[in-house]
Amino acid sequence: MFDLRIPSGWFFAIVGAILAGLGIFNPGLRAPLTDFNVNLYTGAALLVFGGVLLGLARRRP
């Protein structure tokens, strides 16, 4: 059976990398009502989540 954690983990990791890259290289591009870089923090969280999914898929029995 195919493990859905692998493509989901890659999806979240890629989207997280794109958002984190936007947050790092274009910090002026942010939500209008916030004072902090939403793209950077959300991208970092998605990268961590994607890494957790890929780690769990690798550790499967």
PDB file of N, CA and C in Angstrom:
ATOM      1  N   MET A   1       0.838  -1.176   0.000  1.00  0.00           N
ATOM      2  CA  MET A   1       0.000   0.000   0.000  1.00  0.00           C
ATOM      3  C   MET A   1       0.891   1.251   0.000  1.00  0.00           C
ATOM      4  N   PHE A   2       0.434   2.279  -0.673  1.00  0.00           N
ATOM      5  CA  PHE A   2       1.206   3.518  -0.802  1.00  0.00           C
ATOM      6  C   PHE A   2       1.048   4.377   0.447  1.00  0.00           C
ATOM      7  N   ASP A   3       2.150   4.884   0.953  1.00  0.00           N
ATOM      8  CA  ASP A   3       2.137   5.704   2.164  1.00  0.00           C
ATOM      9  C   ASP A   3       1.937   7.171   1.779  1.00  0.00           C
ATOM     10  N   LEU A   4       0.854   7.768   2.233  1.00  0.00           N
ATOM     11  CA  LEU A   4       0.539   9.159   1.876  1.00  0.00           C
ATOM     12  C   LEU A   4       1.406  10.183   2.583  1.00  0.00           C
ATOM     13  N   ARG A   5       2.179   9.759   3.559  1.00  0.00           N
ATOM     14  CA  ARG A   5       3.041  10.717   4.254  1.00  0.00           C
ATOM     15  C   ARG A   5       4.186  11.189   3.371  1.00  0.00           C
ATOM     16  N   ILE A   6       4.591  10.388   2.416  1.00  0.00           N
ATOM     17  CA  ILE A   6       5.715  10.774   1.553  1.00  0.00           C
ATOM     18  C   ILE A   6       5.340  11.935   0.624  1.00  0.00           C
ATOM     19  N   PRO A   7       4.300  11.816  -0.209  1.00  0.00           N
ATOM     20  CA  PRO A   7       3.987  12.978  -1.059  1.00  0.00           C
ATOM     21  C   PRO A   7       3.490  14.179  -0.256  1.00  0.00           C
ATOM     22  N   SER A   8       2.782  13.931   0.843  1.00  0.00           N
ATOM     23  CA  SER A   8       2.330  15.053   1.675  1.00  0.00           C
ATOM     24  C   SER A   8       3.515  15.763   2.306  1.00  0.00           C
ATOM     25  N   GLY A   9       4.476  14.995   2.782  1.00  0.00           N
ATOM     26  CA  GLY A   9       5.672  15.590   3.369  1.00  0.00           C
ATOM     27  C   GLY A   9       6.447  16.414   2.366  1.00  0.00           C
ATOM     28  N   TRP A  10       6.603  15.897   1.142  1.00  0.00           N
ATOM     29  CA  TRP A  10       7.298  16.660   0.114  1.00  0.00           C
ATOM     30  C   TRP A  10       6.526  17.914  -0.271  1.00  0.00           C
ATOM     31  N   PHE A  11       5.193  17.804  -0.346  1.00  0.00           N
ATOM     32  CA  PHE A  11       4.383  18.968  -0.679  1.00  0.00           C
ATOM     33  C   PHE A  11       4.562  20.072   0.357  1.00  0.00           C
ATOM     34  N   PHE A  12       4.422  19.726   1.634  1.00  0.00           N
ATOM     35  CA  PHE A  12       4.559  20.739   2.682  1.00  0.00           C
ATOM     36  C   PHE A  12       5.984  21.286   2.744  1.00  0.00           C
ATOM     37  N   ALA A  13       6.975  20.447   2.508  1.00  0.00           N
ATOM     38  CA  ALA A  13       8.359  20.914   2.532  1.00  0.00           C
ATOM     39  C   ALA A  13       8.637  21.880   1.384  1.00  0.00           C
ATOM     40  N   ILE A  14       8.122  21.581   0.201  1.00  0.00           N
ATOM     41  CA  ILE A  14       8.356  22.463  -0.953  1.00  0.00           C
ATOM     42  C   ILE A  14       7.629  23.793  -0.778  1.00  0.00           C
ATOM     43  N   VAL A  15       6.362  23.746  -0.359  1.00  0.00           N
ATOM     44  CA  VAL A  15       5.611  24.989  -0.133  1.00  0.00           C
ATOM     45  C   VAL A  15       6.258  25.796   0.991  1.00  0.00           C
ATOM     46  N   GLY A  16       6.723  25.116   2.034  1.00  0.00           N
ATOM     47  CA  GLY A  16       7.409  25.797   3.131  1.00  0.00           C
ATOM     48  C   GLY A  16       8.698  26.455   2.676  1.00  0.00           C
ATOM     49  N   ALA A  17       9.440  25.771   1.810  1.00  0.00           N
ATOM     50  CA  ALA A  17      10.684  26.354   1.297  1.00  0.00           C
ATOM     51  C   ALA A  17      10.401  27.589   0.445  1.00  0.00           C
ATOM     52  N   ILE A  18       9.352  27.534  -0.351  1.00  0.00           N
ATOM     53  CA  ILE A  18       8.995  28.696  -1.173  1.00  0.00           C
ATOM     54  C   ILE A  18       8.596  29.876  -0.287  1.00  0.00           C
ATOM     55  N   LEU A  19       7.757  29.617   0.705  1.00  0.00           N
ATOM     56  CA  LEU A  19       7.331  30.710   1.593  1.00  0.00           C
ATOM     57  C   LEU A  19       8.491  31.253   2.424  1.00  0.00           C
ATOM     58  N   ALA A  20       9.336  30.368   2.924  1.00  0.00           N
ATOM     59  CA  ALA A  20      10.484  30.833   3.703  1.00  0.00           C
ATOM     60  C   ALA A  20      11.437  31.637   2.826  1.00  0.00           C
ATOM     61  N   GLY A  21      11.611  31.194   1.584  1.00  0.00           N
ATOM     62  CA  GLY A  21      12.456  31.955   0.655  1.00  0.00           C
ATOM     63  C   GLY A  21      11.886  33.331   0.375  1.00  0.00           C
ATOM     64  N   LEU A  22      10.581  33.411   0.190  1.00  0.00           N
ATOM     65  CA  LEU A  22       9.954  34.728   0.010  1.00  0.00           C
ATOM     66  C   LEU A  22      10.132  35.586   1.257  1.00  0.00           C
ATOM     67  N   GLY A  23      10.017  34.983   2.426  1.00  0.00           N
ATOM     68  CA  GLY A  23      10.171  35.738   3.666  1.00  0.00           C
ATOM     69  C   GLY A  23      11.581  36.243   3.878  1.00  0.00           C
ATOM     70  N   ILE A  24      12.565  35.472   3.413  1.00  0.00           N
ATOM     71  CA  ILE A  24      13.961  35.871   3.595  1.00  0.00           C
ATOM     72  C   ILE A  24      14.380  36.908   2.552  1.00  0.00           C
ATOM     73  N   PHE A  25      14.062  36.635   1.276  1.00  0.00           N
ATOM     74  CA  PHE A  25      14.563  37.478   0.199  1.00  0.00           C
ATOM     75  C   PHE A  25      13.667  38.665  -0.143  1.00  0.00           C
ATOM     76  N   ASN A  26      12.425  38.652   0.328  1.00  0.00           N
ATOM     77  CA  ASN A  26      11.522  39.764   0.074  1.00  0.00           C
ATOM     78  C   ASN A  26      10.727  40.067   1.352  1.00  0.00           C
ATOM     79  N   PRO A  27      11.392  40.589   2.380  1.00  0.00           N
ATOM     80  CA  PRO A  27      10.701  40.797   3.650  1.00  0.00           C
ATOM     81  C   PRO A  27       9.631  41.886   3.606  1.00  0.00           C
ATOM     82  N   GLY A  28       9.649  42.727   2.612  1.00  0.00           N
ATOM     83  CA  GLY A  28       8.629  43.766   2.499  1.00  0.00           C
ATOM     84  C   GLY A  28       7.282  43.233   2.039  1.00  0.00           C
ATOM     85  N   LEU A  29       7.277  42.037   1.481  1.00  0.00           N
ATOM     86  CA  LEU A  29       6.044  41.411   1.017  1.00  0.00           C
ATOM     87  C   LEU A  29       5.409  40.672   2.185  1.00  0.00           C
ATOM     88  N   ARG A  30       4.477  41.333   2.845  1.00  0.00           N
ATOM     89  CA  ARG A  30       3.835  40.733   4.016  1.00  0.00           C
ATOM     90  C   ARG A  30       2.386  41.197   4.100  1.00  0.00           C
ATOM     91  N   ALA A  31       1.660  40.596   5.014  1.00  0.00           N
ATOM     92  CA  ALA A  31       0.256  40.951   5.191  1.00  0.00           C
ATOM     93  C   ALA A  31       0.168  42.412   5.653  1.00  0.00           C
ATOM     94  N   PRO A  32      -0.799  43.151   5.156  1.00  0.00           N
ATOM     95  CA  PRO A  32      -0.842  44.585   5.428  1.00  0.00           C
ATOM     96  C   PRO A  32      -1.078  44.960   6.892  1.00  0.00           C
ATOM     97  N   LEU A  33      -1.737  44.142   7.664  1.00  0.00           N
ATOM     98  CA  LEU A  33      -2.066  44.526   9.037  1.00  0.00           C
ATOM     99  C   LEU A  33      -1.127  43.943  10.084  1.00  0.00           C
ATOM    100  N   THR A  34      -0.022  43.349   9.661  1.00  0.00           N
ATOM    101  CA  THR A  34       0.906  42.746  10.617  1.00  0.00           C
ATOM    102  C   THR A  34       2.246  43.468  10.593  1.00  0.00           C
ATOM    103  N   ASP A  35       2.963  43.329  11.689  1.00  0.00           N
ATOM    104  CA  ASP A  35       4.296  43.914  11.768  1.00  0.00           C
ATOM    105  C   ASP A  35       5.397  42.872  11.661  1.00  0.00           C
ATOM    106  N   PHE A  36       5.033  41.609  11.545  1.00  0.00           N
ATOM    107  CA  PHE A  36       6.060  40.571  11.435  1.00  0.00           C
ATOM    108  C   PHE A  36       5.908  39.820  10.117  1.00  0.00           C
ATOM    109  N   ASN A  37       6.929  39.077   9.772  1.00  0.00           N
ATOM    110  CA  ASN A  37       7.025  38.420   8.479  1.00  0.00           C
ATOM    111  C   ASN A  37       6.274  37.089   8.506  1.00  0.00           C
ATOM    112  N   VAL A  38       5.032  37.105   8.073  1.00  0.00           N
ATOM    113  CA  VAL A  38       4.165  35.923   8.116  1.00  0.00           C
ATOM    114  C   VAL A  38       4.703  34.826   7.203  1.00  0.00           C
ATOM    115  N   ASN A  39       5.216  35.189   6.035  1.00  0.00           N
ATOM    116  CA  ASN A  39       5.721  34.197   5.096  1.00  0.00           C
ATOM    117  C   ASN A  39       6.886  33.401   5.690  1.00  0.00           C
ATOM    118  N   LEU A  40       7.773  34.074   6.382  1.00  0.00           N
ATOM    119  CA  LEU A  40       8.929  33.398   6.956  1.00  0.00           C
ATOM    120  C   LEU A  40       8.515  32.419   8.043  1.00  0.00           C
ATOM    121  N   TYR A  41       7.659  32.834   8.950  1.00  0.00           N
ATOM    122  CA  TYR A  41       7.263  31.968  10.060  1.00  0.00           C
ATOM    123  C   TYR A  41       6.367  30.818   9.596  1.00  0.00           C
ATOM    124  N   THR A  42       5.470  31.089   8.672  1.00  0.00           N
ATOM    125  CA  THR A  42       4.619  30.029   8.152  1.00  0.00           C
ATOM    126  C   THR A  42       5.445  29.043   7.320  1.00  0.00           C
ATOM    127  N   GLY A  43       6.361  29.560   6.539  1.00  0.00           N
ATOM    128  CA  GLY A  43       7.237  28.682   5.756  1.00  0.00           C
ATOM    129  C   GLY A  43       8.097  27.798   6.633  1.00  0.00           C
ATOM    130  N   ALA A  44       8.610  28.349   7.721  1.00  0.00           N
ATOM    131  CA  ALA A  44       9.409  27.538   8.644  1.00  0.00           C
ATOM    132  C   ALA A  44       8.560  26.457   9.299  1.00  0.00           C
ATOM    133  N   ALA A  45       7.336  26.799   9.668  1.00  0.00           N
ATOM    134  CA  ALA A  45       6.452  25.807  10.284  1.00  0.00           C
ATOM    135  C   ALA A  45       6.100  24.701   9.287  1.00  0.00           C
ATOM    136  N   LEU A  46       5.847  25.058   8.031  1.00  0.00           N
ATOM    137  CA  LEU A  46       5.534  24.050   7.022  1.00  0.00           C
ATOM    138  C   LEU A  46       6.745  23.175   6.714  1.00  0.00           C
ATOM    139  N   LEU A  47       7.933  23.754   6.719  1.00  0.00           N
ATOM    140  CA  LEU A  47       9.148  22.954   6.531  1.00  0.00           C
ATOM    141  C   LEU A  47       9.319  21.936   7.645  1.00  0.00           C
ATOM    142  N   VAL A  48       9.085  22.356   8.874  1.00  0.00           N
ATOM    143  CA  VAL A  48       9.196  21.440  10.007  1.00  0.00           C
ATOM    144  C   VAL A  48       8.143  20.342   9.899  1.00  0.00           C
ATOM    145  N   PHE A  49       6.916  20.709   9.579  1.00  0.00           N
ATOM    146  CA  PHE A  49       5.840  19.726   9.458  1.00  0.00           C
ATOM    147  C   PHE A  49       6.128  18.729   8.336  1.00  0.00           C
ATOM    148  N   GLY A  50       6.600  19.213   7.201  1.00  0.00           N
ATOM    149  CA  GLY A  50       6.967  18.314   6.108  1.00  0.00           C
ATOM    150  C   GLY A  50       8.105  17.393   6.488  1.00  0.00           C
ATOM    151  N   GLY A  51       9.073  17.910   7.231  1.00  0.00           N
ATOM    152  CA  GLY A  51      10.173  17.070   7.705  1.00  0.00           C
ATOM    153  C   GLY A  51       9.703  15.996   8.673  1.00  0.00           C
ATOM    154  N   VAL A  52       8.751  16.345   9.531  1.00  0.00           N
ATOM    155  CA  VAL A  52       8.197  15.361  10.469  1.00  0.00           C
ATOM    156  C   VAL A  52       7.472  14.262   9.701  1.00  0.00           C
ATOM    157  N   LEU A  53       6.669  14.645   8.706  1.00  0.00           N
ATOM    158  CA  LEU A  53       5.968  13.629   7.909  1.00  0.00           C
ATOM    159  C   LEU A  53       6.949  12.722   7.171  1.00  0.00           C
ATOM    160  N   LEU A  54       7.996  13.293   6.585  1.00  0.00           N
ATOM    161  CA  LEU A  54       8.972  12.471   5.885  1.00  0.00           C
ATOM    162  C   LEU A  54       9.753  11.589   6.858  1.00  0.00           C
ATOM    163  N   GLY A  55      10.045  12.107   8.030  1.00  0.00           N
ATOM    164  CA  GLY A  55      10.718  11.293   9.039  1.00  0.00           C
ATOM    165  C   GLY A  55       9.860  10.139   9.518  1.00  0.00           C
ATOM    166  N   LEU A  56       8.579  10.389   9.709  1.00  0.00           N
ATOM    167  CA  LEU A  56       7.669   9.315  10.125  1.00  0.00           C
ATOM    168  C   LEU A  56       7.492   8.280   9.022  1.00  0.00           C
ATOM    169  N   ALA A  57       7.487   8.715   7.765  1.00  0.00           N
ATOM    170  CA  ALA A  57       7.356   7.777   6.661  1.00  0.00           C
ATOM    171  C   ALA A  57       8.602   6.910   6.542  1.00  0.00           C
ATOM    172  N   ARG A  58       9.751   7.471   6.834  1.00  0.00           N
ATOM    173  CA  ARG A  58      10.995   6.716   6.765  1.00  0.00           C
ATOM    174  C   ARG A  58      11.092   5.711   7.891  1.00  0.00           C
ATOM    175  N   ARG A  59      10.475   5.996   9.024  1.00  0.00           N
ATOM    176  CA  ARG A  59      10.569   5.168  10.213  1.00  0.00           C
ATOM    177  C   ARG A  59       9.484   4.092  10.261  1.00  0.00           C
ATOM    178  N   ARG A  60       8.689   3.952   9.231  1.00  0.00           N
ATOM    179  CA  ARG A  60       7.553   3.020   9.242  1.00  0.00           C
ATOM    180  C   ARG A  60       8.029   1.574   9.446  1.00  0.00           C
ATOM    181  N   PRO A  61       7.184   0.756  10.044  1.00  0.00           N
ATOM    182  CA  PRO A  61       7.577  -0.637  10.297  1.00  0.00           C
ATOM    183  C   PRO A  61       7.577  -1.512   9.058  1.00  0.00           C
TER     184      PRO A  61
END
